[in-house]
Amino acid sequence: MSDKDIGKALLQLDAANLAGGPDLREQVSRVLQRDQRRVRLWTLLTAGLWLLAVTMVMGILIFLGLLFPMIAKLKAGDGQDRINEQQRQQLLEESDIAFKMVSVLIAMSVGVLAAAALSTVFLLFASRRATLRQVSANLLEVSEQIKRLREAMAARPCQSEPEA
């Protein structure tokens, strides 16, 4: 019986199917360790994606917070500026290019946010599956202990109460 079969049987709590396999405890342990590694990997990936998404959004907000006032000041063009009209047009063109670049960054941040949300869903499913397998493995162990206890009770001679 492979680790994959053991994992499926743990999810379905198929104790009869699990009982026939050799080195059951070792295989169950391997499945549970694999689940722990998978949950740890999804956790790190999800945290990294959310951190990247938040950093991108904050960077875009700061950049736009600096860009919009500059564009407004350049377009107002009151006569007290220290730049001439040719420099003003050059700066307006550069700010237009910067705004287009920010638009691309916004699209990228939406993609990173979507990846972070999808990663969160996968983390949820991996965590749920790992928890179910852990509970099933513990139930299987408890079941085996009860079975051994019943066999020990049946093997012990029945002590009758003394008659009065």
C-alpha atoms as a PDB file:
ATOM      1  CA  MET A   1       0.000   0.000   0.000  1.00  0.00           C
ATOM      2  CA  SER A   2       1.541   3.326  -1.065  1.00  0.00           C
ATOM      3  CA  ASP A   3       1.681   6.545   0.920  1.00  0.00           C
ATOM      4  CA  LYS A   4      -0.963   8.002  -1.372  1.00  0.00           C
ATOM      5  CA  ASP A   5      -3.304   5.095  -0.615  1.00  0.00           C
ATOM      6  CA  ILE A   6      -2.597   5.489   3.101  1.00  0.00           C
ATOM      7  CA  GLY A   7      -3.434   9.194   2.850  1.00  0.00           C
ATOM      8  CA  LYS A   8      -6.710   8.500   1.063  1.00  0.00           C
ATOM      9  CA  ALA A   9      -7.613   5.797   3.562  1.00  0.00           C
ATOM     10  CA  LEU A  10      -6.848   8.197   6.435  1.00  0.00           C
ATOM     11  CA  LEU A  11      -9.144  10.794   4.915  1.00  0.00           C
ATOM     12  CA  GLN A  12     -11.902   8.210   4.610  1.00  0.00           C
ATOM     13  CA  LEU A  13     -11.043   6.530   7.948  1.00  0.00           C
ATOM     14  CA  ASP A  14     -10.898   3.164   6.270  1.00  0.00           C
ATOM     15  CA  ALA A  15      -9.435   1.218   9.177  1.00  0.00           C
ATOM     16  CA  ALA A  16     -10.042  -2.147   7.496  1.00  0.00           C
ATOM     17  CA  ASN A  17      -8.013  -1.082   4.475  1.00  0.00           C
ATOM     18  CA  LEU A  18      -5.248   0.380   6.616  1.00  0.00           C
ATOM     19  CA  ALA A  19      -4.931  -2.635   8.882  1.00  0.00           C
ATOM     20  CA  GLY A  20      -3.606  -4.891   6.130  1.00  0.00           C
ATOM     21  CA  GLY A  21      -0.557  -2.784   5.243  1.00  0.00           C
ATOM     22  CA  PRO A  22       2.963  -3.490   6.467  1.00  0.00           C
ATOM     23  CA  ASP A  23       4.674  -0.917   8.664  1.00  0.00           C
ATOM     24  CA  LEU A  24       1.426   0.952   9.079  1.00  0.00           C
ATOM     25  CA  ARG A  25       2.700   3.366  11.709  1.00  0.00           C
ATOM     26  CA  GLU A  26       5.718   4.278   9.598  1.00  0.00           C
ATOM     27  CA  GLN A  27       3.591   4.913   6.520  1.00  0.00           C
ATOM     28  CA  VAL A  28       1.052   6.959   8.471  1.00  0.00           C
ATOM     29  CA  SER A  29       3.922   8.942   9.975  1.00  0.00           C
ATOM     30  CA  ARG A  30       5.349   9.621   6.496  1.00  0.00           C
ATOM     31  CA  VAL A  31       1.946  10.773   5.228  1.00  0.00           C
ATOM     32  CA  LEU A  32       1.490  13.098   8.194  1.00  0.00           C
ATOM     33  CA  GLN A  33       5.016  14.518   7.800  1.00  0.00           C
ATOM     34  CA  ARG A  34       4.376  15.101   4.088  1.00  0.00           C
ATOM     35  CA  ASP A  35       1.181  16.935   5.000  1.00  0.00           C
ATOM     36  CA  GLN A  36       3.081  19.089   7.493  1.00  0.00           C
ATOM     37  CA  ARG A  37       5.678  19.988   4.855  1.00  0.00           C
ATOM     38  CA  ARG A  38       2.931  20.806   2.359  1.00  0.00           C
ATOM     39  CA  VAL A  39       1.115  23.057   4.844  1.00  0.00           C
ATOM     40  CA  ARG A  40       4.404  24.762   5.772  1.00  0.00           C
ATOM     41  CA  LEU A  41       5.195  25.366   2.081  1.00  0.00           C
ATOM     42  CA  TRP A  42       1.719  26.804   1.373  1.00  0.00           C
ATOM     43  CA  THR A  43       1.998  28.967   4.490  1.00  0.00           C
ATOM     44  CA  LEU A  44       5.335  30.451   3.418  1.00  0.00           C
ATOM     45  CA  LEU A  45       4.152  30.956  -0.172  1.00  0.00           C
ATOM     46  CA  THR A  46       0.908  32.578   0.963  1.00  0.00           C
ATOM     47  CA  ALA A  47       2.639  34.876   3.453  1.00  0.00           C
ATOM     48  CA  GLY A  48       5.203  35.882   0.828  1.00  0.00           C
ATOM     49  CA  LEU A  49       2.553  36.645  -1.776  1.00  0.00           C
ATOM     50  CA  TRP A  50       0.485  38.708   0.666  1.00  0.00           C
ATOM     51  CA  LEU A  51       3.591  40.607   1.768  1.00  0.00           C
ATOM     52  CA  LEU A  52       4.510  41.304  -1.866  1.00  0.00           C
ATOM     53  CA  ALA A  53       0.941  42.397  -2.663  1.00  0.00           C
ATOM     54  CA  VAL A  54       0.762  44.771   0.302  1.00  0.00           C
ATOM     55  CA  THR A  55       4.189  46.201  -0.535  1.00  0.00           C
ATOM     56  CA  MET A  56       3.170  46.771  -4.155  1.00  0.00           C
ATOM     57  CA  VAL A  57      -0.119  48.437  -3.226  1.00  0.00           C
ATOM     58  CA  MET A  58       1.540  50.703  -0.659  1.00  0.00           C
ATOM     59  CA  GLY A  59       4.304  51.613  -3.136  1.00  0.00           C
ATOM     60  CA  ILE A  60       1.729  52.467  -5.793  1.00  0.00           C
ATOM     61  CA  LEU A  61      -0.260  54.596  -3.351  1.00  0.00           C
ATOM     62  CA  ILE A  62       2.840  56.506  -2.283  1.00  0.00           C
ATOM     63  CA  PHE A  63       3.957  56.979  -5.886  1.00  0.00           C
ATOM     64  CA  LEU A  64       0.528  58.245  -6.946  1.00  0.00           C
ATOM     65  CA  GLY A  65       0.402  60.461  -3.874  1.00  0.00           C
ATOM     66  CA  LEU A  66       3.535  62.171  -5.142  1.00  0.00           C
ATOM     67  CA  LEU A  67       2.689  62.093  -8.861  1.00  0.00           C
ATOM     68  CA  PHE A  68      -0.805  63.643  -8.791  1.00  0.00           C
ATOM     69  CA  PRO A  69       0.193  66.857  -6.982  1.00  0.00           C
ATOM     70  CA  MET A  70       3.155  67.276  -9.336  1.00  0.00           C
ATOM     71  CA  ILE A  71       0.922  66.909 -12.408  1.00  0.00           C
ATOM     72  CA  ALA A  72      -1.606  69.343 -10.954  1.00  0.00           C
ATOM     73  CA  LYS A  73       1.101  71.917 -10.279  1.00  0.00           C
ATOM     74  CA  LEU A  74       2.554  71.517 -13.755  1.00  0.00           C
ATOM     75  CA  LYS A  75      -0.846  71.884 -15.421  1.00  0.00           C
ATOM     76  CA  ALA A  76      -1.766  74.949 -13.338  1.00  0.00           C
ATOM     77  CA  GLY A  77       1.304  76.731 -14.666  1.00  0.00           C
ATOM     78  CA  ASP A  78       1.065  79.954 -12.737  1.00  0.00           C
ATOM     79  CA  GLY A  79       3.572  82.629 -13.724  1.00  0.00           C
ATOM     80  CA  GLN A  80       5.716  82.286 -10.613  1.00  0.00           C
ATOM     81  CA  ASP A  81       7.368  79.008 -11.678  1.00  0.00           C
ATOM     82  CA  ARG A  82      11.125  78.675 -12.015  1.00  0.00           C
ATOM     83  CA  ILE A  83      10.804  76.614 -15.195  1.00  0.00           C
ATOM     84  CA  ASN A  84      10.052  77.707 -18.742  1.00  0.00           C
ATOM     85  CA  GLU A  85       7.275  76.357 -20.963  1.00  0.00           C
ATOM     86  CA  GLN A  86       9.521  73.879 -22.764  1.00  0.00           C
ATOM     87  CA  GLN A  87      10.663  72.369 -19.428  1.00  0.00           C
ATOM     88  CA  ARG A  88       7.031  72.246 -18.273  1.00  0.00           C
ATOM     89  CA  GLN A  89       6.030  70.260 -21.386  1.00  0.00           C
ATOM     90  CA  GLN A  90       8.994  67.924 -20.888  1.00  0.00           C
ATOM     91  CA  LEU A  91       7.966  67.284 -17.240  1.00  0.00           C
ATOM     92  CA  LEU A  92       4.332  66.747 -18.253  1.00  0.00           C
ATOM     93  CA  GLU A  93       5.414  64.142 -20.806  1.00  0.00           C
ATOM     94  CA  GLU A  94       7.594  62.407 -18.212  1.00  0.00           C
ATOM     95  CA  SER A  95       4.759  62.420 -15.684  1.00  0.00           C
ATOM     96  CA  ASP A  96       2.437  60.955 -18.330  1.00  0.00           C
ATOM     97  CA  ILE A  97       4.940  58.142 -18.894  1.00  0.00           C
ATOM     98  CA  ALA A  98       5.195  57.627 -15.123  1.00  0.00           C
ATOM     99  CA  PHE A  99       1.396  57.426 -14.876  1.00  0.00           C
ATOM    100  CA  LYS A 100       1.326  54.764 -17.618  1.00  0.00           C
ATOM    101  CA  MET A 101       4.023  52.803 -15.798  1.00  0.00           C
ATOM    102  CA  VAL A 102       1.973  52.958 -12.594  1.00  0.00           C
ATOM    103  CA  SER A 103      -0.995  51.608 -14.534  1.00  0.00           C
ATOM    104  CA  VAL A 104       1.073  48.565 -15.450  1.00  0.00           C
ATOM    105  CA  LEU A 105       2.157  48.179 -11.821  1.00  0.00           C
ATOM    106  CA  ILE A 106      -1.483  48.348 -10.734  1.00  0.00           C
ATOM    107  CA  ALA A 107      -2.337  45.519 -13.128  1.00  0.00           C
ATOM    108  CA  MET A 108       0.598  43.497 -11.786  1.00  0.00           C
ATOM    109  CA  SER A 109      -0.464  44.114  -8.182  1.00  0.00           C
ATOM    110  CA  VAL A 110      -3.978  42.899  -9.005  1.00  0.00           C
ATOM    111  CA  GLY A 111      -2.409  39.713 -10.373  1.00  0.00           C
ATOM    112  CA  VAL A 112      -0.299  39.282  -7.223  1.00  0.00           C
ATOM    113  CA  LEU A 113      -3.386  39.870  -5.068  1.00  0.00           C
ATOM    114  CA  ALA A 114      -5.273  37.222  -7.029  1.00  0.00           C
ATOM    115  CA  ALA A 115      -2.368  34.786  -6.628  1.00  0.00           C
ATOM    116  CA  ALA A 116      -2.266  35.516  -2.880  1.00  0.00           C
ATOM    117  CA  ALA A 117      -5.999  34.873  -2.571  1.00  0.00           C
ATOM    118  CA  LEU A 118      -5.719  31.623  -4.536  1.00  0.00           C
ATOM    119  CA  SER A 119      -2.751  30.572  -2.431  1.00  0.00           C
ATOM    120  CA  THR A 120      -4.813  31.242   0.689  1.00  0.00           C
ATOM    121  CA  VAL A 121      -7.526  28.910  -0.603  1.00  0.00           C
ATOM    122  CA  PHE A 122      -4.960  26.186  -1.324  1.00  0.00           C
ATOM    123  CA  LEU A 123      -3.497  26.670   2.160  1.00  0.00           C
ATOM    124  CA  LEU A 124      -6.957  26.272   3.633  1.00  0.00           C
ATOM    125  CA  PHE A 125      -7.554  23.009   1.765  1.00  0.00           C
ATOM    126  CA  ALA A 126      -4.088  21.623   2.592  1.00  0.00           C
ATOM    127  CA  SER A 127      -4.533  22.499   6.256  1.00  0.00           C
ATOM    128  CA  ARG A 128      -7.980  20.927   6.346  1.00  0.00           C
ATOM    129  CA  ARG A 129      -6.731  17.739   4.692  1.00  0.00           C
ATOM    130  CA  ALA A 130      -3.769  17.523   7.082  1.00  0.00           C
ATOM    131  CA  THR A 131      -6.030  18.033  10.080  1.00  0.00           C
ATOM    132  CA  LEU A 132      -8.453  15.340   8.918  1.00  0.00           C
ATOM    133  CA  ARG A 133      -5.611  12.893   8.355  1.00  0.00           C
ATOM    134  CA  GLN A 134      -4.154  13.655  11.787  1.00  0.00           C
ATOM    135  CA  VAL A 135      -7.533  13.139  13.469  1.00  0.00           C
ATOM    136  CA  SER A 136      -8.093   9.926  11.507  1.00  0.00           C
ATOM    137  CA  ALA A 137      -4.652   8.618  12.468  1.00  0.00           C
ATOM    138  CA  ASN A 138      -5.359   9.385  16.123  1.00  0.00           C
ATOM    139  CA  LEU A 139      -8.756   7.683  15.889  1.00  0.00           C
ATOM    140  CA  LEU A 140      -7.111   4.657  14.308  1.00  0.00           C
ATOM    141  CA  GLU A 141      -4.608   4.508  17.164  1.00  0.00           C
ATOM    142  CA  VAL A 142      -7.378   4.816  19.763  1.00  0.00           C
ATOM    143  CA  SER A 143      -9.321   2.095  17.961  1.00  0.00           C
ATOM    144  CA  GLU A 144      -6.303  -0.219  18.111  1.00  0.00           C
ATOM    145  CA  GLN A 145      -5.844   0.509  21.822  1.00  0.00           C
ATOM    146  CA  ILE A 146      -9.499  -0.301  22.534  1.00  0.00           C
ATOM    147  CA  LYS A 147      -9.176  -3.518  20.517  1.00  0.00           C
ATOM    148  CA  ARG A 148      -6.104  -4.563  22.537  1.00  0.00           C
ATOM    149  CA  LEU A 149      -7.879  -3.668  25.778  1.00  0.00           C
ATOM    150  CA  ARG A 150     -10.891  -5.811  24.820  1.00  0.00           C
ATOM    151  CA  GLU A 151      -8.621  -8.730  23.931  1.00  0.00           C
ATOM    152  CA  ALA A 152      -6.833  -8.382  27.275  1.00  0.00           C
ATOM    153  CA  MET A 153     -10.148  -8.253  29.111  1.00  0.00           C
ATOM    154  CA  ALA A 154     -11.401 -11.346  27.256  1.00  0.00           C
ATOM    155  CA  ALA A 155      -8.184 -13.266  27.973  1.00  0.00           C
ATOM    156  CA  ARG A 156      -8.353 -12.537  31.691  1.00  0.00           C
ATOM    157  CA  PRO A 157     -10.458 -15.086  33.561  1.00  0.00           C
ATOM    158  CA  CYS A 158     -13.757 -13.757  34.708  1.00  0.00           C
ATOM    159  CA  GLN A 159     -13.740 -13.210  38.449  1.00  0.00           C
ATOM    160  CA  SER A 160     -17.108 -13.977  39.947  1.00  0.00           C
ATOM    161  CA  GLU A 161     -18.335 -12.328  43.072  1.00  0.00           C
ATOM    162  CA  PRO A 162     -18.239 -14.490  46.196  1.00  0.00           C
ATOM    163  CA  GLU A 163     -21.587 -15.913  47.159  1.00  0.00           C
ATOM    164  CA  ALA A 164     -22.925 -14.984  50.571  1.00  0.00           C
END
